[in-house]
Amino acid sequence: MSDAILHFTEELMSSWWIYLALWAFAALDGFFPAVPSETLVVTAGVFAATGEPNLLGVIVVAAIGAFVGDHVSYALGRGAGGRLLDRLQPGTKRYAMSLWAQRALAERGGLVLVVARYIPGGRTAVTLTMGSVRYPLRNFSFFAGIAAVSWGVYCALVGYIGGKAFEDNPLKGVILGIGLALMVTVIVEVVRHQLRRRQPRAEVEPELVEAGER
């Protein structure tokens, strides 16, 4: 069974279709978080250690897809306006994530988009919120570009490290790569929760759109 999975994966990774899949998954993940884009990029990075696909190609295509996906999410938030935030029910996970995104945007501006890349559900919450409060598009694109490139490099290199560690067994390399990515995510979440516990609760600034002008 494992041999069949490995053979199928190797065929996929050696085909030009992998670049289209990477772009599509990264773009869809921008507004539909259930898509496992990070797993696919890490896997592609693992097989890039053997020469196919091309590591630089994986990074570029994944980053472009992520950049496009962020802008789709931003456009959805901008089109819905404040109504999108008003519909969220207090006490739900989406409401809590949206509240965090609003506070972080008010405090850190566009830099929060880069940080949100490594927080489960954070990316979509931030991009939708930035669109809803009409954060300046030019500033949004600048930070979205930084976030997309850093994410593409991070995921591909994590996979590449796993691939180099297990050149004779790519499946173990995939497991190692995904494990490393999950470990980083857990560390980011722990640090974020610790920082949030230390800070006093504060009301979100009503005019969050001003954050884009800082």
Protein backbone atom coordinates (compact mmCIF):
# COMPACT_ATOMS: atom_id res chain seq x y z
CA MET A 1 0.00 0.00 0.00
CA SER A 2 2.77 2.42 0.96
CA ASP A 3 4.63 1.56 -2.28
CA ALA A 4 1.54 2.41 -4.33
CA ILE A 5 1.11 5.74 -2.51
CA LEU A 6 4.79 6.55 -2.99
CA HIS A 7 4.64 5.69 -6.70
CA PHE A 8 1.56 7.86 -7.23
CA THR A 9 3.11 10.76 -5.30
CA GLU A 10 6.37 10.54 -7.25
CA GLU A 11 4.46 10.65 -10.54
CA LEU A 12 2.48 13.68 -9.37
CA MET A 13 5.58 15.52 -8.15
CA SER A 14 7.40 14.93 -11.44
CA SER A 15 4.50 16.34 -13.48
CA TRP A 16 3.96 20.01 -14.34
CA TRP A 17 0.49 19.59 -12.81
CA ILE A 18 2.03 19.87 -9.36
CA TYR A 19 2.70 23.56 -9.95
CA LEU A 20 -0.93 24.16 -10.89
CA ALA A 21 -2.06 22.21 -7.81
CA LEU A 22 0.28 24.20 -5.56
CA TRP A 23 -1.04 27.49 -6.92
CA ALA A 24 -4.68 26.41 -6.62
CA PHE A 25 -4.35 25.01 -3.09
CA ALA A 26 -2.47 28.08 -1.84
CA ALA A 27 -5.03 30.42 -3.40
CA LEU A 28 -8.09 28.52 -2.13
CA ASP A 29 -6.61 28.35 1.36
CA GLY A 30 -6.82 32.14 1.49
CA PHE A 31 -10.60 32.09 1.84
CA PHE A 32 -11.31 28.40 2.47
CA PRO A 33 -8.97 27.30 5.32
CA ALA A 34 -9.97 23.63 5.07
CA VAL A 35 -7.69 23.27 2.02
CA PRO A 36 -4.38 21.65 3.13
CA SER A 37 -2.08 23.97 1.18
CA GLU A 38 0.74 23.88 3.73
CA THR A 39 0.84 20.07 3.65
CA LEU A 40 1.08 20.06 -0.14
CA VAL A 41 3.87 22.65 -0.21
CA VAL A 42 5.82 20.77 2.47
CA THR A 43 5.39 17.52 0.52
CA ALA A 44 6.57 19.20 -2.68
CA GLY A 45 9.57 20.50 -0.75
CA VAL A 46 10.40 16.96 0.38
CA PHE A 47 10.44 15.65 -3.18
CA ALA A 48 12.34 18.73 -4.37
CA ALA A 49 15.29 17.29 -2.44
CA THR A 50 15.45 14.59 -5.14
CA GLY A 51 15.34 17.12 -7.98
CA GLU A 52 11.65 17.07 -8.90
CA PRO A 53 9.82 19.36 -8.57
CA ASN A 54 12.12 22.37 -8.68
CA LEU A 55 12.50 23.92 -5.21
CA LEU A 56 12.52 27.52 -6.46
CA GLY A 57 9.49 26.77 -8.62
CA VAL A 58 7.63 25.40 -5.60
CA ILE A 59 8.37 28.53 -3.59
CA VAL A 60 7.40 30.96 -6.35
CA VAL A 61 4.16 29.21 -7.33
CA ALA A 62 3.06 28.72 -3.71
CA ALA A 63 3.79 32.35 -2.89
CA ILE A 64 1.87 33.64 -5.91
CA GLY A 65 -1.10 31.44 -5.05
CA ALA A 66 -1.09 32.64 -1.44
CA PHE A 67 -0.86 36.27 -2.59
CA VAL A 68 -3.86 35.82 -4.89
CA GLY A 69 -5.86 33.99 -2.20
CA ASP A 70 -5.26 36.77 0.31
CA HIS A 71 -6.60 39.33 -2.13
CA VAL A 72 -9.71 37.27 -2.82
CA SER A 73 -10.38 37.10 0.93
CA TYR A 74 -9.69 40.84 1.25
CA ALA A 75 -12.17 41.54 -1.59
CA LEU A 76 -14.82 39.37 0.08
CA GLY A 77 -14.37 41.27 3.34
CA ARG A 78 -14.42 44.63 1.59
CA GLY A 79 -17.59 43.73 -0.30
CA ALA A 80 -19.40 42.62 2.84
CA GLY A 81 -18.12 45.52 4.92
CA GLY A 82 -18.92 45.68 8.61
CA ARG A 83 -21.89 43.34 8.08
CA LEU A 84 -19.47 40.41 7.96
CA LEU A 85 -18.18 41.16 11.46
CA ASP A 86 -21.66 41.90 12.83
CA ARG A 87 -22.95 38.46 11.81
CA LEU A 88 -20.45 36.59 13.95
CA GLN A 89 -21.97 35.07 17.07
CA PRO A 90 -20.25 35.89 20.40
CA GLY A 91 -18.78 32.81 22.04
CA THR A 92 -17.89 31.07 18.76
CA LYS A 93 -14.37 30.32 17.58
CA ARG A 94 -14.85 32.54 14.53
CA TYR A 95 -15.94 35.43 16.72
CA ALA A 96 -12.90 35.01 18.97
CA MET A 97 -10.54 34.85 16.00
CA SER A 98 -12.16 37.92 14.44
CA LEU A 99 -11.85 39.83 17.71
CA TRP A 100 -8.17 38.89 17.90
CA ALA A 101 -7.65 40.01 14.29
CA GLN A 102 -9.28 43.39 14.98
CA ARG A 103 -7.21 43.99 18.09
CA ALA A 104 -3.99 42.89 16.43
CA LEU A 105 -4.69 45.07 13.40
CA ALA A 106 -5.33 48.07 15.63
CA GLU A 107 -2.09 47.47 17.54
CA ARG A 108 0.32 46.30 14.85
CA GLY A 109 -1.17 47.36 11.53
CA GLY A 110 -0.32 45.35 8.44
CA LEU A 111 2.44 43.37 10.15
CA VAL A 112 -0.26 41.22 11.73
CA LEU A 113 -0.88 39.68 8.30
CA VAL A 114 2.65 38.24 8.30
CA VAL A 115 2.24 36.81 11.81
CA ALA A 116 -1.22 35.43 11.02
CA ARG A 117 0.31 33.15 8.38
CA TYR A 118 1.46 30.84 11.14
CA ILE A 119 -1.70 30.87 13.26
CA PRO A 120 -4.45 28.32 12.44
CA GLY A 121 -7.39 30.25 11.00
CA GLY A 122 -5.56 33.52 11.55
CA ARG A 123 -4.80 34.24 7.92
CA THR A 124 -8.41 34.25 6.77
CA ALA A 125 -9.64 36.14 9.83
CA VAL A 126 -7.08 38.89 9.28
CA THR A 127 -7.57 39.27 5.52
CA LEU A 128 -11.37 39.37 5.86
CA THR A 129 -11.10 41.89 8.70
CA MET A 130 -8.69 44.09 6.77
CA GLY A 131 -11.12 44.12 3.86
CA SER A 132 -14.12 44.80 6.11
CA VAL A 133 -12.50 47.85 7.71
CA ARG A 134 -11.23 48.99 4.30
CA TYR A 135 -7.57 48.81 5.14
CA PRO A 136 -5.71 50.57 2.27
CA LEU A 137 -5.23 48.13 -0.62
CA ARG A 138 -1.70 49.30 -1.41
CA ASN A 139 -0.57 48.67 2.16
CA PHE A 140 -2.42 45.37 2.23
CA SER A 141 -0.69 44.18 -0.96
CA PHE A 142 2.71 45.10 0.46
CA PHE A 143 2.26 43.06 3.63
CA ALA A 144 0.47 40.25 1.77
CA GLY A 145 3.51 39.97 -0.50
CA ILE A 146 5.88 39.67 2.45
CA ALA A 147 3.61 37.11 4.12
CA ALA A 148 3.22 35.03 0.96
CA VAL A 149 6.93 34.88 0.18
CA SER A 150 7.92 34.09 3.77
CA TRP A 151 5.28 31.35 3.94
CA GLY A 152 6.34 29.81 0.62
CA VAL A 153 10.01 29.78 1.63
CA TYR A 154 9.24 28.41 5.09
CA CYS A 155 7.00 25.53 3.97
CA ALA A 156 9.19 24.50 1.03
CA LEU A 157 12.41 24.57 3.06
CA VAL A 158 10.86 22.63 5.95
CA GLY A 159 9.91 19.95 3.45
CA TYR A 160 13.31 20.12 1.78
CA ILE A 161 15.03 19.50 5.11
CA GLY A 162 12.86 16.44 5.65
CA GLY A 163 13.60 15.24 2.14
CA LYS A 164 17.36 15.57 2.63
CA ALA A 165 17.16 13.75 5.96
CA PHE A 166 15.37 10.77 4.37
CA GLU A 167 16.44 10.75 0.72
CA ASP A 168 15.86 7.00 0.49
CA ASN A 169 12.41 7.17 2.09
CA PRO A 170 10.42 10.24 0.99
CA LEU A 171 7.39 9.23 3.06
CA LYS A 172 9.43 9.56 6.25
CA GLY A 173 10.65 12.89 4.93
CA VAL A 174 7.04 14.05 4.51
CA ILE A 175 6.23 12.98 8.06
CA LEU A 176 9.28 14.83 9.40
CA GLY A 177 8.51 17.94 7.36
CA ILE A 178 4.88 18.11 8.45
CA GLY A 179 5.95 17.42 12.04
CA LEU A 180 8.38 20.35 11.95
CA ALA A 181 5.69 22.62 10.52
CA LEU A 182 3.23 21.58 13.23
CA MET A 183 5.86 22.15 15.90
CA VAL A 184 6.42 25.72 14.70
CA THR A 185 2.65 26.32 14.66
CA VAL A 186 2.31 25.04 18.23
CA ILE A 187 5.19 27.25 19.40
CA VAL A 188 3.60 30.31 17.78
CA GLU A 189 0.24 29.52 19.38
CA VAL A 190 1.78 29.04 22.83
CA VAL A 191 3.68 32.34 22.60
CA ARG A 192 0.57 34.15 21.36
CA HIS A 193 -1.58 32.85 24.21
CA GLN A 194 1.08 33.73 26.78
CA LEU A 195 1.33 37.28 25.46
CA ARG A 196 -2.44 37.63 25.42
CA ARG A 197 -2.72 36.49 29.06
CA ARG A 198 -0.18 39.08 30.15
CA GLN A 199 -1.94 41.96 28.43
CA PRO A 200 -4.95 43.63 30.09
CA ARG A 201 -8.21 43.33 28.23
CA ALA A 202 -8.92 46.40 26.14
CA GLU A 203 -11.68 47.51 23.87
CA VAL A 204 -11.01 47.32 20.16
CA GLU A 205 -10.47 50.71 18.61
CA PRO A 206 -13.71 51.67 16.84
CA GLU A 207 -11.97 53.25 13.89
CA LEU A 208 -9.73 50.38 12.83
CA VAL A 209 -9.39 51.86 9.37
CA GLU A 210 -7.01 54.38 10.94
CA ALA A 211 -4.56 51.52 11.55
CA GLY A 212 -3.77 51.52 7.84
CA GLU A 213 -2.61 55.10 8.02
CA ARG A 214 -0.01 54.48 10.73
